[in-house]
Amino acid sequence: MDARRVTAASRPARNRLQLLAASYEAGARILRATPTGWRHAAAAPGGAAWFWLSRAQRQAALDNYAAALGRDRSDPEVARVARRAFQNYGRMLMDFVLMGSLAPAELMARVSVEGLEHLDAALARGRGAIMAVPHMGSWDMAGSYAGALGYRISAVAERFPGSLNDAVIKTRQSFGLDVITLGRSAVRAITEALQANRVVALLCDLEQGPGVSVRFFGRTATVPGGPAAFALKTGAALIPACQYGVAPGRYRIHLDPPLAVSAGELREPLMQRVIDRFEDFIQERPDQWYAFRPMFGR
């Protein structure tokens, strides 16, 4: 096949990916000029529309929030919480895009933290620390805040399409957050980060392929076993943590003390203890948990 024809055929796709990156950067500038209240108000109808239009995600969410609330999935309160979660996710996405226009000092003014002494004590041991977090609040704000404070922190993240990935990574790195791309090389990168006494943040409440079986809100679920596996392998501290919104555009981070890990402990019971804490975090603020895909075994 003519190489020129292949190049010409691939050009539209490349242009679309470049447009994504340009749109992300332009969106950051537009959102910066938009009052916070307006941004968050605009997310409400958008999130509600997403809730109603995406039948598969709506059905999964109703199942998940029914379990979290301990109610029947037909209960109106379950639908109300699920709908608000979609709206809060929309607000989080706006804040994520806005990050592209913030200086570190501006981001730090938007985030507060409790339990930082637990992280400091863990790092004093010299073996690194794993922050195990659920899909709540804005994990990008939380990780970038830690980087802006001067902590050497790495976060595992999925790859965005094309040049958008470069733009997002550039934003994260501007706050001191190192990005480990999810993939075959991630295990080695995480291990090396912990051996260098860094903080590694891992989202681990939703199924992402092979994992470990746990009881989550009284039902069987599969969650990533990475936090437990790395803690057992490297001796790193394992810290359950969460982040949540406290006002439009503002977030708070909570850090638990590290879990006590016994010699010879297995991944499954250790991850169960992480999930037990996640249940507490989620039940306090169920509409800030973003669980829009099937979680539980039948």
C-alpha atoms as a PDB file:
ATOM      1  CA  MET A   1       0.000   0.000   0.000  1.00  0.00           C
ATOM      2  CA  ASP A   2       1.207   3.501  -0.842  1.00  0.00           C
ATOM      3  CA  ALA A   3       2.754   5.056   2.280  1.00  0.00           C
ATOM      4  CA  ARG A   4       1.330   8.416   1.259  1.00  0.00           C
ATOM      5  CA  ARG A   5      -2.194   6.973   1.320  1.00  0.00           C
ATOM      6  CA  VAL A   6      -1.625   5.510   4.803  1.00  0.00           C
ATOM      7  CA  THR A   7      -0.350   8.870   6.061  1.00  0.00           C
ATOM      8  CA  ALA A   8      -3.291  10.704   4.521  1.00  0.00           C
ATOM      9  CA  ALA A   9      -5.746   8.233   6.030  1.00  0.00           C
ATOM     10  CA  SER A  10      -4.268   8.626   9.503  1.00  0.00           C
ATOM     11  CA  ARG A  11      -4.189  12.424   9.355  1.00  0.00           C
ATOM     12  CA  PRO A  12      -7.877  12.983  10.327  1.00  0.00           C
ATOM     13  CA  ALA A  13      -7.505  10.780  13.407  1.00  0.00           C
ATOM     14  CA  ARG A  14      -4.339  12.624  14.425  1.00  0.00           C
ATOM     15  CA  ASN A  15      -6.060  15.951  13.910  1.00  0.00           C
ATOM     16  CA  ARG A  16      -8.981  14.853  16.089  1.00  0.00           C
ATOM     17  CA  LEU A  17      -6.604  13.891  18.898  1.00  0.00           C
ATOM     18  CA  GLN A  18      -4.816  17.240  18.646  1.00  0.00           C
ATOM     19  CA  LEU A  19      -8.198  18.944  18.779  1.00  0.00           C
ATOM     20  CA  LEU A  20      -8.935  17.125  22.057  1.00  0.00           C
ATOM     21  CA  ALA A  21      -5.793  18.565  23.637  1.00  0.00           C
ATOM     22  CA  ALA A  22      -6.555  22.051  22.336  1.00  0.00           C
ATOM     23  CA  SER A  23     -10.126  21.790  23.642  1.00  0.00           C
ATOM     24  CA  TYR A  24      -8.846  20.743  27.086  1.00  0.00           C
ATOM     25  CA  GLU A  25      -6.517  23.741  27.258  1.00  0.00           C
ATOM     26  CA  ALA A  26      -9.168  26.146  25.957  1.00  0.00           C
ATOM     27  CA  GLY A  27     -11.706  24.706  28.384  1.00  0.00           C
ATOM     28  CA  ALA A  28      -9.352  25.388  31.285  1.00  0.00           C
ATOM     29  CA  ARG A  29      -9.100  29.053  30.293  1.00  0.00           C
ATOM     30  CA  ILE A  30     -12.862  29.389  29.808  1.00  0.00           C
ATOM     31  CA  LEU A  31     -13.667  27.764  33.148  1.00  0.00           C
ATOM     32  CA  ARG A  32     -11.142  30.000  34.905  1.00  0.00           C
ATOM     33  CA  ALA A  33     -13.082  33.028  33.651  1.00  0.00           C
ATOM     34  CA  THR A  34     -16.404  31.523  34.746  1.00  0.00           C
ATOM     35  CA  PRO A  35     -17.624  32.130  38.335  1.00  0.00           C
ATOM     36  CA  THR A  36     -17.426  28.974  40.449  1.00  0.00           C
ATOM     37  CA  GLY A  37     -21.142  29.030  41.236  1.00  0.00           C
ATOM     38  CA  TRP A  38     -22.025  29.151  37.552  1.00  0.00           C
ATOM     39  CA  ARG A  39     -19.713  26.245  36.737  1.00  0.00           C
ATOM     40  CA  HIS A  40     -21.210  24.026  39.376  1.00  0.00           C
ATOM     41  CA  ALA A  41     -24.779  25.074  38.604  1.00  0.00           C
ATOM     42  CA  ALA A  42     -24.233  24.143  34.948  1.00  0.00           C
ATOM     43  CA  ALA A  43     -23.103  20.654  35.959  1.00  0.00           C
ATOM     44  CA  ALA A  44     -26.449  19.876  37.624  1.00  0.00           C
ATOM     45  CA  PRO A  45     -28.655  19.645  34.498  1.00  0.00           C
ATOM     46  CA  GLY A  46     -25.828  18.018  32.554  1.00  0.00           C
ATOM     47  CA  GLY A  47     -25.367  15.342  35.200  1.00  0.00           C
ATOM     48  CA  ALA A  48     -29.108  14.751  35.465  1.00  0.00           C
ATOM     49  CA  ALA A  49     -29.354  14.354  31.681  1.00  0.00           C
ATOM     50  CA  TRP A  50     -26.468  11.888  31.720  1.00  0.00           C
ATOM     51  CA  PHE A  51     -28.231   9.912  34.467  1.00  0.00           C
ATOM     52  CA  TRP A  52     -31.427   9.586  32.445  1.00  0.00           C
ATOM     53  CA  LEU A  53     -29.876   9.077  29.003  1.00  0.00           C
ATOM     54  CA  SER A  54     -27.305   6.423  29.947  1.00  0.00           C
ATOM     55  CA  ARG A  55     -29.550   3.499  30.806  1.00  0.00           C
ATOM     56  CA  ALA A  56     -26.760   0.976  31.463  1.00  0.00           C
ATOM     57  CA  GLN A  57     -24.879   3.292  33.816  1.00  0.00           C
ATOM     58  CA  ARG A  58     -28.106   4.338  35.534  1.00  0.00           C
ATOM     59  CA  GLN A  59     -29.098   0.730  36.200  1.00  0.00           C
ATOM     60  CA  ALA A  60     -25.633  -0.118  37.532  1.00  0.00           C
ATOM     61  CA  ALA A  61     -25.653   2.981  39.735  1.00  0.00           C
ATOM     62  CA  LEU A  62     -29.067   2.170  41.202  1.00  0.00           C
ATOM     63  CA  ASP A  63     -27.824  -1.301  42.118  1.00  0.00           C
ATOM     64  CA  ASN A  64     -24.637   0.062  43.696  1.00  0.00           C
ATOM     65  CA  TYR A  65     -26.260   2.875  45.685  1.00  0.00           C
ATOM     66  CA  ALA A  66     -29.026   0.569  46.896  1.00  0.00           C
ATOM     67  CA  ALA A  67     -26.303  -1.597  48.431  1.00  0.00           C
ATOM     68  CA  ALA A  68     -24.494   1.411  49.906  1.00  0.00           C
ATOM     69  CA  LEU A  69     -27.681   2.825  51.436  1.00  0.00           C
ATOM     70  CA  GLY A  70     -29.068  -0.528  52.555  1.00  0.00           C
ATOM     71  CA  ARG A  71     -32.322   0.120  50.664  1.00  0.00           C
ATOM     72  CA  ASP A  72     -34.274  -1.492  47.862  1.00  0.00           C
ATOM     73  CA  ARG A  73     -33.169  -0.246  44.439  1.00  0.00           C
ATOM     74  CA  SER A  74     -36.726   1.004  43.763  1.00  0.00           C
ATOM     75  CA  ASP A  75     -36.574   3.323  46.797  1.00  0.00           C
ATOM     76  CA  PRO A  76     -36.806   6.989  45.624  1.00  0.00           C
ATOM     77  CA  GLU A  77     -33.894   7.885  47.904  1.00  0.00           C
ATOM     78  CA  VAL A  78     -31.635   5.538  45.927  1.00  0.00           C
ATOM     79  CA  ALA A  79     -32.494   7.306  42.658  1.00  0.00           C
ATOM     80  CA  ARG A  80     -32.019  10.719  44.298  1.00  0.00           C
ATOM     81  CA  VAL A  81     -28.538   9.843  45.576  1.00  0.00           C
ATOM     82  CA  ALA A  82     -27.556   8.249  42.259  1.00  0.00           C
ATOM     83  CA  ARG A  83     -28.696  11.296  40.294  1.00  0.00           C
ATOM     84  CA  ARG A  84     -26.779  13.633  42.608  1.00  0.00           C
ATOM     85  CA  ALA A  85     -23.674  11.460  42.187  1.00  0.00           C
ATOM     86  CA  PHE A  86     -23.855  11.942  38.406  1.00  0.00           C
ATOM     87  CA  GLN A  87     -24.186  15.688  38.971  1.00  0.00           C
ATOM     88  CA  ASN A  88     -21.258  15.742  41.395  1.00  0.00           C
ATOM     89  CA  TYR A  89     -19.168  13.811  38.893  1.00  0.00           C
ATOM     90  CA  GLY A  90     -19.907  16.524  36.342  1.00  0.00           C
ATOM     91  CA  ARG A  91     -18.726  19.153  38.828  1.00  0.00           C
ATOM     92  CA  MET A  92     -15.566  17.156  39.468  1.00  0.00           C
ATOM     93  CA  LEU A  93     -14.857  16.983  35.729  1.00  0.00           C
ATOM     94  CA  MET A  94     -15.176  20.758  35.465  1.00  0.00           C
ATOM     95  CA  ASP A  95     -12.729  21.184  38.338  1.00  0.00           C
ATOM     96  CA  PHE A  96     -10.395  18.683  36.670  1.00  0.00           C
ATOM     97  CA  VAL A  97     -10.343  20.728  33.463  1.00  0.00           C
ATOM     98  CA  LEU A  98      -9.953  23.952  35.476  1.00  0.00           C
ATOM     99  CA  MET A  99      -6.756  22.570  37.014  1.00  0.00           C
ATOM    100  CA  GLY A 100      -5.038  23.201  33.683  1.00  0.00           C
ATOM    101  CA  SER A 101      -5.146  26.953  34.390  1.00  0.00           C
ATOM    102  CA  LEU A 102      -4.258  26.963  38.109  1.00  0.00           C
ATOM    103  CA  ALA A 103      -0.936  27.796  39.705  1.00  0.00           C
ATOM    104  CA  PRO A 104       0.148  25.558  42.627  1.00  0.00           C
ATOM    105  CA  ALA A 105      -0.703  28.271  45.184  1.00  0.00           C
ATOM    106  CA  GLU A 106      -4.213  28.581  43.728  1.00  0.00           C
ATOM    107  CA  LEU A 107      -4.785  24.840  43.918  1.00  0.00           C
ATOM    108  CA  MET A 108      -3.518  24.690  47.499  1.00  0.00           C
ATOM    109  CA  ALA A 109      -6.059  27.353  48.484  1.00  0.00           C
ATOM    110  CA  ARG A 110      -8.853  25.066  47.258  1.00  0.00           C
ATOM    111  CA  VAL A 111      -7.880  21.940  49.225  1.00  0.00           C
ATOM    112  CA  SER A 112      -7.453  21.125  52.925  1.00  0.00           C
ATOM    113  CA  VAL A 113      -6.307  17.942  54.643  1.00  0.00           C
ATOM    114  CA  GLU A 114      -6.723  16.043  57.901  1.00  0.00           C
ATOM    115  CA  GLY A 115      -4.472  13.216  59.044  1.00  0.00           C
ATOM    116  CA  LEU A 116      -1.301  14.413  57.333  1.00  0.00           C
ATOM    117  CA  GLU A 117       0.649  13.380  60.413  1.00  0.00           C
ATOM    118  CA  HIS A 118      -0.119   9.734  59.568  1.00  0.00           C
ATOM    119  CA  LEU A 119       1.521  10.116  56.169  1.00  0.00           C
ATOM    120  CA  ASP A 120       4.553  11.851  57.666  1.00  0.00           C
ATOM    121  CA  ALA A 121       5.000   9.072  60.235  1.00  0.00           C
ATOM    122  CA  ALA A 122       4.696   6.430  57.530  1.00  0.00           C
ATOM    123  CA  LEU A 123       7.326   8.078  55.335  1.00  0.00           C
ATOM    124  CA  ALA A 124       9.671   8.399  58.301  1.00  0.00           C
ATOM    125  CA  ARG A 125       9.972   4.587  58.169  1.00  0.00           C
ATOM    126  CA  GLY A 126      11.614   4.931  54.763  1.00  0.00           C
ATOM    127  CA  ARG A 127       9.573   2.292  52.917  1.00  0.00           C
ATOM    128  CA  GLY A 128       7.097   4.464  51.080  1.00  0.00           C
ATOM    129  CA  ALA A 129       3.359   4.798  51.545  1.00  0.00           C
ATOM    130  CA  ILE A 130       0.357   3.580  49.581  1.00  0.00           C
ATOM    131  CA  MET A 131      -2.757   5.748  49.678  1.00  0.00           C
ATOM    132  CA  ALA A 132      -5.695   3.469  48.874  1.00  0.00           C
ATOM    133  CA  VAL A 133      -8.600   5.648  47.743  1.00  0.00           C
ATOM    134  CA  PRO A 134     -12.137   5.196  46.393  1.00  0.00           C
ATOM    135  CA  HIS A 135     -13.629   7.044  43.424  1.00  0.00           C
ATOM    136  CA  MET A 136     -14.863   9.982  45.511  1.00  0.00           C
ATOM    137  CA  GLY A 137     -14.475  13.744  45.290  1.00  0.00           C
ATOM    138  CA  SER A 138     -11.581  14.753  43.038  1.00  0.00           C
ATOM    139  CA  TRP A 139      -8.608  12.421  43.253  1.00  0.00           C
ATOM    140  CA  ASP A 140      -6.700  14.618  40.801  1.00  0.00           C
ATOM    141  CA  MET A 141      -7.111  17.619  43.101  1.00  0.00           C
ATOM    142  CA  ALA A 142      -6.016  15.499  46.079  1.00  0.00           C
ATOM    143  CA  GLY A 143      -2.930  14.023  44.429  1.00  0.00           C
ATOM    144  CA  SER A 144      -1.863  17.318  42.904  1.00  0.00           C
ATOM    145  CA  TYR A 145      -2.327  19.041  46.270  1.00  0.00           C
ATOM    146  CA  ALA A 146       0.045  16.547  47.892  1.00  0.00           C
ATOM    147  CA  GLY A 147       2.551  17.187  45.127  1.00  0.00           C
ATOM    148  CA  ALA A 148       2.209  20.942  45.561  1.00  0.00           C
ATOM    149  CA  LEU A 149       2.922  20.500  49.289  1.00  0.00           C
ATOM    150  CA  GLY A 150       6.240  18.930  48.348  1.00  0.00           C
ATOM    151  CA  TYR A 151       5.455  15.241  48.822  1.00  0.00           C
ATOM    152  CA  ARG A 152       7.005  12.954  46.239  1.00  0.00           C
ATOM    153  CA  ILE A 153       3.828  11.347  44.993  1.00  0.00           C
ATOM    154  CA  SER A 154       3.015   9.044  42.092  1.00  0.00           C
ATOM    155  CA  ALA A 155      -0.461   8.187  40.859  1.00  0.00           C
ATOM    156  CA  VAL A 156      -1.498   5.373  38.564  1.00  0.00           C
ATOM    157  CA  ALA A 157      -3.744   6.669  35.784  1.00  0.00           C
ATOM    158  CA  GLU A 158      -5.292   5.430  32.578  1.00  0.00           C
ATOM    159  CA  ARG A 159      -4.036   6.896  29.317  1.00  0.00           C
ATOM    160  CA  PHE A 160      -6.088   9.599  27.611  1.00  0.00           C
ATOM    161  CA  PRO A 161      -6.339   9.616  23.802  1.00  0.00           C
ATOM    162  CA  GLY A 162      -3.416  11.059  21.821  1.00  0.00           C
ATOM    163  CA  SER A 163      -2.022  14.477  22.665  1.00  0.00           C
ATOM    164  CA  LEU A 164      -4.733  14.986  25.294  1.00  0.00           C
ATOM    165  CA  ASN A 165      -2.737  12.533  27.419  1.00  0.00           C
ATOM    166  CA  ASP A 166       0.341  14.765  27.130  1.00  0.00           C
ATOM    167  CA  ALA A 167      -1.671  17.861  28.092  1.00  0.00           C
ATOM    168  CA  VAL A 168      -3.185  16.178  31.157  1.00  0.00           C
ATOM    169  CA  ILE A 169       0.157  14.753  32.282  1.00  0.00           C
ATOM    170  CA  LYS A 170       1.738  18.197  31.876  1.00  0.00           C
ATOM    171  CA  THR A 171      -0.947  19.661  34.162  1.00  0.00           C
ATOM    172  CA  ARG A 172      -0.439  16.953  36.780  1.00  0.00           C
ATOM    173  CA  GLN A 173       3.339  17.283  36.666  1.00  0.00           C
ATOM    174  CA  SER A 174       3.094  21.058  37.109  1.00  0.00           C
ATOM    175  CA  PHE A 175       1.874  20.349  40.651  1.00  0.00           C
ATOM    176  CA  GLY A 176       4.614  17.788  41.353  1.00  0.00           C
ATOM    177  CA  LEU A 177       2.447  14.724  40.670  1.00  0.00           C
ATOM    178  CA  ASP A 178       4.285  11.937  38.861  1.00  0.00           C
ATOM    179  CA  VAL A 179       2.047   9.840  36.599  1.00  0.00           C
ATOM    180  CA  ILE A 180       2.432   6.075  36.208  1.00  0.00           C
ATOM    181  CA  THR A 181       0.439   4.980  33.183  1.00  0.00           C
ATOM    182  CA  LEU A 182      -1.700   1.900  33.741  1.00  0.00           C
ATOM    183  CA  GLY A 183      -0.165  -0.991  31.811  1.00  0.00           C
ATOM    184  CA  ARG A 184       2.446  -3.734  31.838  1.00  0.00           C
ATOM    185  CA  SER A 185       5.242  -1.506  33.149  1.00  0.00           C
ATOM    186  CA  ALA A 186       3.169  -0.129  36.041  1.00  0.00           C
ATOM    187  CA  VAL A 187       4.102  -2.890  38.530  1.00  0.00           C
ATOM    188  CA  ARG A 188       7.798  -2.160  38.228  1.00  0.00           C
ATOM    189  CA  ALA A 189       7.253   1.607  38.338  1.00  0.00           C
ATOM    190  CA  ILE A 190       5.120   1.358  41.499  1.00  0.00           C
ATOM    191  CA  THR A 191       7.639  -0.930  43.198  1.00  0.00           C
ATOM    192  CA  GLU A 192      10.507   1.428  42.378  1.00  0.00           C
ATOM    193  CA  ALA A 193       8.518   4.430  43.618  1.00  0.00           C
ATOM    194  CA  LEU A 194       7.846   2.773  46.971  1.00  0.00           C
ATOM    195  CA  GLN A 195      11.463   1.650  47.302  1.00  0.00           C
ATOM    196  CA  ALA A 196      12.406   5.307  46.784  1.00  0.00           C
ATOM    197  CA  ASN A 197      10.140   6.215  49.750  1.00  0.00           C
ATOM    198  CA  ARG A 198       7.545   7.923  47.561  1.00  0.00           C
ATOM    199  CA  VAL A 199       3.781   8.068  48.054  1.00  0.00           C
ATOM    200  CA  VAL A 200       1.748   6.031  45.564  1.00  0.00           C
ATOM    201  CA  ALA A 201      -1.984   6.721  45.203  1.00  0.00           C
ATOM    202  CA  LEU A 202      -4.150   3.831  43.995  1.00  0.00           C
ATOM    203  CA  LEU A 203      -7.888   3.877  43.238  1.00  0.00           C
ATOM    204  CA  CYS A 204      -9.161   0.470  44.277  1.00  0.00           C
ATOM    205  CA  ASP A 205     -12.917   0.353  44.908  1.00  0.00           C
ATOM    206  CA  LEU A 206     -14.160  -0.592  41.416  1.00  0.00           C
ATOM    207  CA  GLU A 207     -13.336  -3.666  39.368  1.00  0.00           C
ATOM    208  CA  GLN A 208     -10.552  -3.116  36.829  1.00  0.00           C
ATOM    209  CA  GLY A 209      -9.926  -6.670  35.660  1.00  0.00           C
ATOM    210  CA  PRO A 210      -8.452  -9.519  37.746  1.00  0.00           C
ATOM    211  CA  GLY A 211      -8.517  -8.727  41.446  1.00  0.00           C
ATOM    212  CA  VAL A 212      -9.525 -10.089  44.834  1.00  0.00           C
ATOM    213  CA  SER A 213     -12.950 -11.008  46.125  1.00  0.00           C
ATOM    214  CA  VAL A 214     -14.310  -8.957  49.047  1.00  0.00           C
ATOM    215  CA  ARG A 215     -17.569  -8.273  50.820  1.00  0.00           C
ATOM    216  CA  PHE A 216     -18.663  -4.758  49.899  1.00  0.00           C
ATOM    217  CA  PHE A 217     -21.865  -3.494  51.539  1.00  0.00           C
ATOM    218  CA  GLY A 218     -22.789  -7.098  52.287  1.00  0.00           C
ATOM    219  CA  ARG A 219     -22.356  -8.295  48.704  1.00  0.00           C
ATOM    220  CA  THR A 220     -19.559 -10.017  46.814  1.00  0.00           C
ATOM    221  CA  ALA A 221     -17.400  -7.723  44.683  1.00  0.00           C
ATOM    222  CA  THR A 222     -14.047  -7.910  42.919  1.00  0.00           C
ATOM    223  CA  VAL A 223     -11.634  -5.056  43.575  1.00  0.00           C
ATOM    224  CA  PRO A 224      -7.991  -4.462  42.614  1.00  0.00           C
ATOM    225  CA  GLY A 225      -5.628  -6.258  44.968  1.00  0.00           C
ATOM    226  CA  GLY A 226      -2.668  -4.026  44.159  1.00  0.00           C
ATOM    227  CA  PRO A 227      -2.603  -1.934  47.355  1.00  0.00           C
ATOM    228  CA  ALA A 228      -2.412  -5.036  49.550  1.00  0.00           C
ATOM    229  CA  ALA A 229       0.026  -6.825  47.235  1.00  0.00           C
ATOM    230  CA  PHE A 230       2.463  -3.905  47.133  1.00  0.00           C
ATOM    231  CA  ALA A 231       2.237  -3.339  50.892  1.00  0.00           C
ATOM    232  CA  LEU A 232       3.029  -7.004  51.551  1.00  0.00           C
ATOM    233  CA  LYS A 233       5.812  -7.099  48.950  1.00  0.00           C
ATOM    234  CA  THR A 234       7.616  -3.864  49.815  1.00  0.00           C
ATOM    235  CA  GLY A 235       6.725  -3.175  53.445  1.00  0.00           C
ATOM    236  CA  ALA A 236       5.173   0.158  52.461  1.00  0.00           C
ATOM    237  CA  ALA A 237       2.559   1.649  54.774  1.00  0.00           C
ATOM    238  CA  LEU A 238      -1.024   1.106  53.585  1.00  0.00           C
ATOM    239  CA  ILE A 239      -3.206   4.143  54.302  1.00  0.00           C
ATOM    240  CA  PRO A 240      -6.949   4.190  53.513  1.00  0.00           C
ATOM    241  CA  ALA A 241      -7.857   7.704  52.413  1.00  0.00           C
ATOM    242  CA  CYS A 242     -10.622   9.641  50.716  1.00  0.00           C
ATOM    243  CA  GLN A 243     -11.299  13.062  49.258  1.00  0.00           C
ATOM    244  CA  TYR A 244     -14.609  14.876  49.083  1.00  0.00           C
ATOM    245  CA  GLY A 245     -16.105  18.216  48.140  1.00  0.00           C
ATOM    246  CA  VAL A 246     -16.930  20.670  50.927  1.00  0.00           C
ATOM    247  CA  ALA A 247     -18.037  23.664  48.810  1.00  0.00           C
ATOM    248  CA  PRO A 248     -18.107  24.513  45.102  1.00  0.00           C
ATOM    249  CA  GLY A 249     -14.578  24.018  43.793  1.00  0.00           C
ATOM    250  CA  ARG A 250     -13.176  23.119  47.220  1.00  0.00           C
ATOM    251  CA  TYR A 251     -12.143  19.722  48.566  1.00  0.00           C
ATOM    252  CA  ARG A 252     -10.940  18.049  51.735  1.00  0.00           C
ATOM    253  CA  ILE A 253      -8.630  15.042  52.057  1.00  0.00           C
ATOM    254  CA  HIS A 254      -8.899  12.542  54.914  1.00  0.00           C
ATOM    255  CA  LEU A 255      -6.018  10.178  55.751  1.00  0.00           C
ATOM    256  CA  ASP A 256      -6.405   7.229  58.121  1.00  0.00           C
ATOM    257  CA  PRO A 257      -3.538   5.885  60.214  1.00  0.00           C
ATOM    258  CA  PRO A 258      -1.709   3.098  58.351  1.00  0.00           C
ATOM    259  CA  LEU A 259      -3.254  -0.344  58.671  1.00  0.00           C
ATOM    260  CA  ALA A 260      -1.302  -2.774  60.849  1.00  0.00           C
ATOM    261  CA  VAL A 261      -0.025  -5.511  58.544  1.00  0.00           C
ATOM    262  CA  SER A 262       0.846  -8.890  60.049  1.00  0.00           C
ATOM    263  CA  ALA A 263       3.671 -11.081  58.779  1.00  0.00           C
ATOM    264  CA  GLY A 264       2.283 -13.642  56.381  1.00  0.00           C
ATOM    265  CA  GLU A 265      -1.044 -11.845  55.948  1.00  0.00           C
ATOM    266  CA  LEU A 266      -2.815 -12.562  52.663  1.00  0.00           C
ATOM    267  CA  ARG A 267      -4.011 -10.029  50.096  1.00  0.00           C
ATOM    268  CA  GLU A 268      -7.710 -10.831  50.485  1.00  0.00           C
ATOM    269  CA  PRO A 269      -8.126 -10.087  54.211  1.00  0.00           C
ATOM    270  CA  LEU A 270      -5.913  -7.012  53.929  1.00  0.00           C
ATOM    271  CA  MET A 271      -7.971  -5.620  51.046  1.00  0.00           C
ATOM    272  CA  GLN A 272     -11.124  -6.441  53.008  1.00  0.00           C
ATOM    273  CA  ARG A 273      -9.928  -4.115  55.763  1.00  0.00           C
ATOM    274  CA  VAL A 274      -9.369  -1.380  53.175  1.00  0.00           C
ATOM    275  CA  ILE A 275     -12.869  -1.905  51.775  1.00  0.00           C
ATOM    276  CA  ASP A 276     -14.355  -1.837  55.286  1.00  0.00           C
ATOM    277  CA  ARG A 277     -13.006   1.706  55.652  1.00  0.00           C
ATOM    278  CA  PHE A 278     -14.260   2.633  52.190  1.00  0.00           C
ATOM    279  CA  GLU A 279     -17.747   1.640  53.312  1.00  0.00           C
ATOM    280  CA  ASP A 280     -17.495   4.188  56.130  1.00  0.00           C
ATOM    281  CA  PHE A 281     -16.263   6.918  53.776  1.00  0.00           C
ATOM    282  CA  ILE A 282     -18.992   6.218  51.222  1.00  0.00           C
ATOM    283  CA  GLN A 283     -21.852   5.967  53.715  1.00  0.00           C
ATOM    284  CA  GLU A 284     -20.954   9.407  55.086  1.00  0.00           C
ATOM    285  CA  ARG A 285     -21.199  10.966  51.591  1.00  0.00           C
ATOM    286  CA  PRO A 286     -22.820   8.482  49.197  1.00  0.00           C
ATOM    287  CA  ASP A 287     -23.549  11.089  46.525  1.00  0.00           C
ATOM    288  CA  GLN A 288     -19.827  11.826  46.213  1.00  0.00           C
ATOM    289  CA  TRP A 289     -19.016   8.216  45.289  1.00  0.00           C
ATOM    290  CA  TYR A 290     -18.842   7.615  41.546  1.00  0.00           C
ATOM    291  CA  ALA A 291     -19.922   4.006  40.999  1.00  0.00           C
ATOM    292  CA  PHE A 292     -21.533   3.907  37.575  1.00  0.00           C
ATOM    293  CA  ARG A 293     -20.629   0.393  36.441  1.00  0.00           C
ATOM    294  CA  PRO A 294     -21.641  -3.085  37.676  1.00  0.00           C
ATOM    295  CA  MET A 295     -19.853  -4.056  40.877  1.00  0.00           C
ATOM    296  CA  PHE A 296     -21.503  -7.036  42.466  1.00  0.00           C
ATOM    297  CA  GLY A 297     -21.683 -10.731  41.663  1.00  0.00           C
ATOM    298  CA  ARG A 298     -25.092 -12.195  41.086  1.00  0.00           C
END
